[in-house]
PDB file of N, CA and C in Angstrom:
ATOM      1  N   MET A   1     122.726  81.260 110.966  1.00  0.00           N
ATOM      2  CA  MET A   1     123.338  81.367 109.805  1.00  0.00           C
ATOM      3  C   MET A   1     123.310  80.050 109.107  1.00  0.00           C
ATOM      4  N   VAL A   2     122.748  80.315 107.822  1.00  0.00           N
ATOM      5  CA  VAL A   2     123.005  78.964 106.936  1.00  0.00           C
ATOM      6  C   VAL A   2     123.761  79.139 105.759  1.00  0.00           C
ATOM      7  N   ARG A   3     124.755  78.199 105.563  1.00  0.00           N
ATOM      8  CA  ARG A   3     125.607  78.423 104.507  1.00  0.00           C
ATOM      9  C   ARG A   3     125.158  77.343 103.212  1.00  0.00           C
ATOM     10  N   ILE A   4     125.233  78.049 102.003  1.00  0.00           N
ATOM     11  CA  ILE A   4     124.756  77.411 100.805  1.00  0.00           C
ATOM     12  C   ILE A   4     125.807  77.457  99.962  1.00  0.00           C
ATOM     13  N   ALA A   5     125.865  76.256  98.996  1.00  0.00           N
ATOM     14  CA  ALA A   5     126.958  75.863  98.075  1.00  0.00           C
ATOM     15  C   ALA A   5     125.795  75.361  97.203  1.00  0.00           C
ATOM     16  N   VAL A   6     126.506  75.961  95.668  1.00  0.00           N
ATOM     17  CA  VAL A   6     125.538  75.402  94.699  1.00  0.00           C
ATOM     18  C   VAL A   6     126.390  74.850  93.683  1.00  0.00           C
ATOM     19  N   ASP A   7     126.384  73.370  93.085  1.00  0.00           N
ATOM     20  CA  ASP A   7     127.367  72.857  92.015  1.00  0.00           C
ATOM     21  C   ASP A   7     127.210  73.416  91.037  1.00  0.00           C
ATOM     22  N   LEU A   8     127.460  74.379  90.457  1.00  0.00           N
ATOM     23  CA  LEU A   8     127.247  75.303  89.367  1.00  0.00           C
ATOM     24  C   LEU A   8     127.578  74.637  87.731  1.00  0.00           C
ATOM     25  N   ASN A   9     128.354  73.325  88.216  1.00  0.00           N
ATOM     26  CA  ASN A   9     128.384  72.253  87.110  1.00  0.00           C
ATOM     27  C   ASN A   9     127.410  71.195  87.026  1.00  0.00           C
ATOM     28  N   ARG A  10     126.763  71.226  87.995  1.00  0.00           N
ATOM     29  CA  ARG A  10     125.616  70.230  87.981  1.00  0.00           C
ATOM     30  C   ARG A  10     124.194  70.865  87.637  1.00  0.00           C
ATOM     31  N   CYS A  11     124.053  72.367  88.163  1.00  0.00           N
ATOM     32  CA  CYS A  11     122.968  73.115  87.795  1.00  0.00           C
ATOM     33  C   CYS A  11     122.673  73.039  86.378  1.00  0.00           C
ATOM     34  N   GLN A  12     121.075  72.944  86.016  1.00  0.00           N
ATOM     35  CA  GLN A  12     120.848  72.960  84.896  1.00  0.00           C
ATOM     36  C   GLN A  12     119.864  74.248  84.519  1.00  0.00           C
ATOM     37  N   GLY A  13     119.510  75.235  85.297  1.00  0.00           N
ATOM     38  CA  GLY A  13     119.090  76.281  85.025  1.00  0.00           C
ATOM     39  C   GLY A  13     117.312  75.826  85.093  1.00  0.00           C
ATOM     40  N   TYR A  14     116.803  75.161  85.965  1.00  0.00           N
ATOM     41  CA  TYR A  14     115.453  74.960  85.955  1.00  0.00           C
ATOM     42  C   TYR A  14     114.929  75.863  86.660  1.00  0.00           C
ATOM     43  N   ALA A  15     115.606  76.566  87.661  1.00  0.00           N
ATOM     44  CA  ALA A  15     114.972  77.881  88.182  1.00  0.00           C
ATOM     45  C   ALA A  15     113.900  77.437  89.516  1.00  0.00           C
ATOM     46  N   GLN A  16     113.923  76.123  89.810  1.00  0.00           N
ATOM     47  CA  GLN A  16     112.853  75.597  90.835  1.00  0.00           C
ATOM     48  C   GLN A  16     113.334  76.515  92.321  1.00  0.00           C
ATOM     49  N   CYS A  17     114.630  76.840  92.290  1.00  0.00           N
ATOM     50  CA  CYS A  17     115.013  77.543  93.478  1.00  0.00           C
ATOM     51  C   CYS A  17     114.794  78.842  93.508  1.00  0.00           C
ATOM     52  N   ALA A  18     114.627  79.591  92.375  1.00  0.00           N
ATOM     53  CA  ALA A  18     114.496  80.980  92.324  1.00  0.00           C
ATOM     54  C   ALA A  18     113.108  81.137  92.471  1.00  0.00           C
ATOM     55  N   PHE A  19     112.229  80.366  92.324  1.00  0.00           N
ATOM     56  CA  PHE A  19     110.826  80.313  92.241  1.00  0.00           C
ATOM     57  C   PHE A  19     110.143  79.957  93.643  1.00  0.00           C
ATOM     58  N   LEU A  20     111.036  79.202  94.492  1.00  0.00           N
ATOM     59  CA  LEU A  20     110.720  78.908  95.779  1.00  0.00           C
ATOM     60  C   LEU A  20     111.446  79.646  96.873  1.00  0.00           C
ATOM     61  N   ALA A  21     112.781  80.176  96.494  1.00  0.00           N
ATOM     62  CA  ALA A  21     113.449  81.259  97.563  1.00  0.00           C
ATOM     63  C   ALA A  21     113.780  82.222  96.805  1.00  0.00           C
ATOM     64  N   PRO A  22     112.880  82.833  96.357  1.00  0.00           N
ATOM     65  CA  PRO A  22     113.560  84.044  95.411  1.00  0.00           C
ATOM     66  C   PRO A  22     114.572  85.305  96.417  1.00  0.00           C
ATOM     67  N   GLY A  23     114.228  85.259  97.755  1.00  0.00           N
ATOM     68  CA  GLY A  23     115.325  85.994  98.600  1.00  0.00           C
ATOM     69  C   GLY A  23     116.521  85.557  98.595  1.00  0.00           C
ATOM     70  N   ILE A  24     116.854  84.517  97.827  1.00  0.00           N
ATOM     71  CA  ILE A  24     118.228  83.774  98.047  1.00  0.00           C
ATOM     72  C   ILE A  24     118.701  83.648  96.789  1.00  0.00           C
ATOM     73  N   PHE A  25     118.028  82.960  95.678  1.00  0.00           N
ATOM     74  CA  PHE A  25     118.209  82.616  94.566  1.00  0.00           C
ATOM     75  C   PHE A  25     117.750  83.527  93.365  1.00  0.00           C
ATOM     76  N   ALA A  26     118.269  83.834  92.362  1.00  0.00           N
ATOM     77  CA  ALA A  26     117.986  84.502  91.294  1.00  0.00           C
ATOM     78  C   ALA A  26     118.365  83.884  89.979  1.00  0.00           C
ATOM     79  N   MET A  27     118.069  84.077  88.728  1.00  0.00           N
ATOM     80  CA  MET A  27     118.353  83.691  87.479  1.00  0.00           C
ATOM     81  C   MET A  27     118.773  85.134  86.678  1.00  0.00           C
ATOM     82  N   HIS A  28     119.827  84.802  86.222  1.00  0.00           N
ATOM     83  CA  HIS A  28     120.603  85.685  85.470  1.00  0.00           C
ATOM     84  C   HIS A  28     120.306  85.534  83.856  1.00  0.00           C
ATOM     85  N   GLY A  29     119.576  85.899  83.036  1.00  0.00           N
ATOM     86  CA  GLY A  29     119.325  85.226  81.827  1.00  0.00           C
ATOM     87  C   GLY A  29     118.542  84.241  82.009  1.00  0.00           C
ATOM     88  N   GLU A  30     118.949  83.280  80.727  1.00  0.00           N
ATOM     89  CA  GLU A  30     118.202  81.942  80.680  1.00  0.00           C
ATOM     90  C   GLU A  30     118.682  81.003  81.529  1.00  0.00           C
ATOM     91  N   GLU A  31     120.155  80.673  81.834  1.00  0.00           N
ATOM     92  CA  GLU A  31     121.054  79.750  82.440  1.00  0.00           C
ATOM     93  C   GLU A  31     121.920  79.885  83.861  1.00  0.00           C
ATOM     94  N   ALA A  32     122.187  81.418  83.768  1.00  0.00           N
ATOM     95  CA  ALA A  32     123.185  81.511  85.178  1.00  0.00           C
ATOM     96  C   ALA A  32     122.311  81.602  86.359  1.00  0.00           C
ATOM     97  N   LEU A  33     122.691  81.127  87.355  1.00  0.00           N
ATOM     98  CA  LEU A  33     122.067  81.138  88.708  1.00  0.00           C
ATOM     99  C   LEU A  33     122.931  82.278  89.731  1.00  0.00           C
ATOM    100  N   LEU A  34     122.407  83.249  90.027  1.00  0.00           N
ATOM    101  CA  LEU A  34     123.051  83.768  91.449  1.00  0.00           C
ATOM    102  C   LEU A  34     122.464  83.684  92.805  1.00  0.00           C
ATOM    103  N   TYR A  35     123.102  83.372  93.820  1.00  0.00           N
ATOM    104  CA  TYR A  35     122.666  83.145  95.181  1.00  0.00           C
ATOM    105  C   TYR A  35     123.524  83.830  96.155  1.00  0.00           C
ATOM    106  N   ASP A  36     122.616  84.048  97.135  1.00  0.00           N
ATOM    107  CA  ASP A  36     123.479  84.335  98.267  1.00  0.00           C
ATOM    108  C   ASP A  36     123.983  83.191  99.141  1.00  0.00           C
ATOM    109  N   PRO A  37     125.544  83.026  99.473  1.00  0.00           N
ATOM    110  CA  PRO A  37     126.013  81.936  99.887  1.00  0.00           C
ATOM    111  C   PRO A  37     125.822  81.742 101.355  1.00  0.00           C
ATOM    112  N   GLU A  38     125.325  82.744 102.175  1.00  0.00           N
ATOM    113  CA  GLU A  38     125.131  83.058 103.341  1.00  0.00           C
ATOM    114  C   GLU A  38     123.542  83.378 103.577  1.00  0.00           C
ATOM    115  N   ALA A  39     122.669  82.687 104.111  1.00  0.00           N
ATOM    116  CA  ALA A  39     121.222  83.182 104.526  1.00  0.00           C
ATOM    117  C   ALA A  39     121.023  82.989 105.973  1.00  0.00           C
ATOM    118  N   ASP A  40     119.908  84.203 106.339  1.00  0.00           N
ATOM    119  CA  ASP A  40     119.754  83.685 107.996  1.00  0.00           C
ATOM    120  C   ASP A  40     118.761  82.960 108.047  1.00  0.00           C
ATOM    121  N   ASP A  41     118.722  82.489 109.296  1.00  0.00           N
ATOM    122  CA  ASP A  41     117.841  81.789 109.896  1.00  0.00           C
ATOM    123  C   ASP A  41     116.325  81.531 109.631  1.00  0.00           C
ATOM    124  N   ALA A  42     115.674  82.900 109.059  1.00  0.00           N
ATOM    125  CA  ALA A  42     114.246  82.956 108.636  1.00  0.00           C
ATOM    126  C   ALA A  42     114.090  82.320 107.421  1.00  0.00           C
ATOM    127  N   GLN A  43     115.201  82.284 106.740  1.00  0.00           N
ATOM    128  CA  GLN A  43     115.115  82.006 105.496  1.00  0.00           C
ATOM    129  C   GLN A  43     115.255  80.183 105.049  1.00  0.00           C
ATOM    130  N   ARG A  44     115.349  79.578 106.415  1.00  0.00           N
ATOM    131  CA  ARG A  44     115.835  78.373 106.376  1.00  0.00           C
ATOM    132  C   ARG A  44     114.861  77.404 105.807  1.00  0.00           C
ATOM    133  N   GLU A  45     113.306  77.753 106.177  1.00  0.00           N
ATOM    134  CA  GLU A  45     112.342  76.837 105.373  1.00  0.00           C
ATOM    135  C   GLU A  45     112.341  76.679 104.033  1.00  0.00           C
ATOM    136  N   LYS A  46     112.384  78.069 103.596  1.00  0.00           N
ATOM    137  CA  LYS A  46     112.401  78.003 101.985  1.00  0.00           C
ATOM    138  C   LYS A  46     113.552  77.971 101.319  1.00  0.00           C
ATOM    139  N   LEU A  47     114.700  77.703 101.928  1.00  0.00           N
ATOM    140  CA  LEU A  47     115.600  77.208 101.379  1.00  0.00           C
ATOM    141  C   LEU A  47     115.840  75.507 101.548  1.00  0.00           C
ATOM    142  N   ALA A  48     115.239  75.136 102.580  1.00  0.00           N
ATOM    143  CA  ALA A  48     115.174  73.541 102.600  1.00  0.00           C
ATOM    144  C   ALA A  48     114.298  73.092 101.127  1.00  0.00           C
ATOM    145  N   GLN A  49     113.372  74.015 101.163  1.00  0.00           N
ATOM    146  CA  GLN A  49     112.002  73.492 100.188  1.00  0.00           C
ATOM    147  C   GLN A  49     112.925  73.815  98.531  1.00  0.00           C
ATOM    148  N   ALA A  50     113.507  74.753  98.596  1.00  0.00           N
ATOM    149  CA  ALA A  50     114.377  74.832  97.092  1.00  0.00           C
ATOM    150  C   ALA A  50     115.504  73.783  97.081  1.00  0.00           C
ATOM    151  N   ALA A  51     116.000  73.512  97.975  1.00  0.00           N
ATOM    152  CA  ALA A  51     116.880  72.192  97.872  1.00  0.00           C
ATOM    153  C   ALA A  51     116.243  70.947  97.668  1.00  0.00           C
ATOM    154  N   ALA A  52     115.163  70.699  97.968  1.00  0.00           N
ATOM    155  CA  ALA A  52     114.615  69.385  98.078  1.00  0.00           C
ATOM    156  C   ALA A  52     113.793  69.355  96.533  1.00  0.00           C
ATOM    157  N   ALA A  53     113.636  70.639  96.213  1.00  0.00           N
ATOM    158  CA  ALA A  53     113.028  70.617  94.908  1.00  0.00           C
ATOM    159  C   ALA A  53     113.687  70.755  93.616  1.00  0.00           C
ATOM    160  N   CYS A  54     115.241  71.145  93.629  1.00  0.00           N
ATOM    161  CA  CYS A  54     116.254  70.952  92.748  1.00  0.00           C
ATOM    162  C   CYS A  54     116.215  69.486  91.974  1.00  0.00           C
ATOM    163  N   PRO A  55     115.753  69.343  90.666  1.00  0.00           N
ATOM    164  CA  PRO A  55     115.767  68.078  90.209  1.00  0.00           C
ATOM    165  C   PRO A  55     117.392  67.595  89.845  1.00  0.00           C
ATOM    166  N   VAL A  56     118.162  68.076  90.201  1.00  0.00           N
ATOM    167  CA  VAL A  56     119.558  67.618  89.770  1.00  0.00           C
ATOM    168  C   VAL A  56     120.065  67.751  91.381  1.00  0.00           C
ATOM    169  N   GLN A  57     119.645  68.212  92.188  1.00  0.00           N
ATOM    170  CA  GLN A  57     120.177  68.186  93.698  1.00  0.00           C
ATOM    171  C   GLN A  57     121.802  68.930  93.921  1.00  0.00           C
ATOM    172  N   ALA A  58     121.602  70.155  93.213  1.00  0.00           N
ATOM    173  CA  ALA A  58     122.794  70.767  92.800  1.00  0.00           C
ATOM    174  C   ALA A  58     122.862  71.669  94.138  1.00  0.00           C
ATOM    175  N   ILE A  59     122.184  71.602  95.188  1.00  0.00           N
ATOM    176  CA  ILE A  59     122.138  72.772  96.257  1.00  0.00           C
ATOM    177  C   ILE A  59     122.423  71.953  97.677  1.00  0.00           C
ATOM    178  N   LEU A  60     123.499  72.418  98.180  1.00  0.00           N
ATOM    179  CA  LEU A  60     123.863  71.882  99.336  1.00  0.00           C
ATOM    180  C   LEU A  60     123.560  72.965 100.387  1.00  0.00           C
ATOM    181  N   VAL A  61     123.181  72.748 101.631  1.00  0.00           N
ATOM    182  CA  VAL A  61     122.793  73.614 102.728  1.00  0.00           C
ATOM    183  C   VAL A  61     123.097  72.826 103.955  1.00  0.00           C
ATOM    184  N   ASP A  62     124.035  73.743 104.533  1.00  0.00           N
ATOM    185  CA  ASP A  62     124.750  73.690 106.225  1.00  0.00           C
ATOM    186  C   ASP A  62     124.441  74.311 106.974  1.00  0.00           C
ATOM    187  N   ALA A  63     124.012  74.017 107.984  1.00  0.00           N
ATOM    188  CA  ALA A  63     123.498  74.990 109.320  1.00  0.00           C
ATOM    189  C   ALA A  63     124.942  75.529 110.006  1.00  0.00           C
ATOM    190  N   VAL A  64     125.092  76.609 110.327  1.00  0.00           N
ATOM    191  CA  VAL A  64     126.392  77.018 111.015  1.00  0.00           C
ATOM    192  C   VAL A  64     126.144  77.599 112.186  1.00  0.00           C
ATOM    193  N   ASP A  65     126.203  77.074 113.480  1.00  0.00           N
ATOM    194  CA  ASP A  65     125.846  77.527 114.919  1.00  0.00           C
ATOM    195  C   ASP A  65     126.829  79.154 115.067  1.00  0.00           C
ATOM    196  N   ASP A  66     127.960  78.887 114.963  1.00  0.00           N
ATOM    197  CA  ASP A  66     128.886  79.965 115.424  1.00  0.00           C
ATOM    198  C   ASP A  66     129.577  80.369 114.287  1.00  0.00           C
ATOM    199  N   PRO A  67     129.266  81.524 113.914  1.00  0.00           N
ATOM    200  CA  PRO A  67     129.806  82.282 112.533  1.00  0.00           C
ATOM    201  C   PRO A  67     131.259  82.358 112.660  1.00  0.00           C
ATOM    202  N   ALA A  68     131.911  82.575 114.110  1.00  0.00           N
ATOM    203  CA  ALA A  68     133.547  82.389 114.112  1.00  0.00           C
ATOM    204  C   ALA A  68     134.206  81.033 113.750  1.00  0.00           C
ATOM    205  N   GLU A  69     133.310  80.041 113.720  1.00  0.00           N
ATOM    206  CA  GLU A  69     133.627  78.955 113.136  1.00  0.00           C
ATOM    207  C   GLU A  69     134.116  78.758 111.951  1.00  0.00           C
ATOM    208  N   VAL A  70     133.075  79.440 111.125  1.00  0.00           N
ATOM    209  CA  VAL A  70     133.395  79.553 109.650  1.00  0.00           C
ATOM    210  C   VAL A  70     134.532  80.394 109.083  1.00  0.00           C
ATOM    211  N   VAL A  71     134.744  81.352 110.057  1.00  0.00           N
ATOM    212  CA  VAL A  71     135.984  82.248 109.453  1.00  0.00           C
ATOM    213  C   VAL A  71     137.361  81.657 110.228  1.00  0.00           C
ATOM    214  N   SER A  72     137.385  81.148 111.287  1.00  0.00           N
ATOM    215  CA  SER A  72     138.374  80.832 111.886  1.00  0.00           C
ATOM    216  C   SER A  72     138.695  79.197 111.703  1.00  0.00           C
ATOM    217  N   GLY A  73     137.807  78.151 111.406  1.00  0.00           N
ATOM    218  CA  GLY A  73     137.923  76.903 111.060  1.00  0.00           C
ATOM    219  C   GLY A  73     138.124  76.318 112.686  1.00  0.00           C
ATOM    220  N   ALA A  74     137.933  76.942 113.737  1.00  0.00           N
ATOM    221  CA  ALA A  74     138.118  76.580 115.184  1.00  0.00           C
ATOM    222  C   ALA A  74     136.934  75.728 115.703  1.00  0.00           C
ATOM    223  N   ARG A  75     137.200  74.969 116.676  1.00  0.00           N
ATOM    224  CA  ARG A  75     135.897  74.127 117.167  1.00  0.00           C
ATOM    225  C   ARG A  75     136.285  74.084 118.461  1.00  0.00           C
TER     226      ARG A  75
END
């Protein structure tokens, strides 16, 4: 599983992410970005391309090996 966070204060709505990874990101109107905060590993390559293409680097991608860690915070 891959966890995604977008700094919506930094995002300027260029929509490069929605173009490169439409299964994860979508534009709502002209400026509002919608996204799935948790993507499966099959989308990892497209997600990496989308994050790299963001002109303002507003996308943070974090790989999560164990979903239980996310819920409990345990290690």
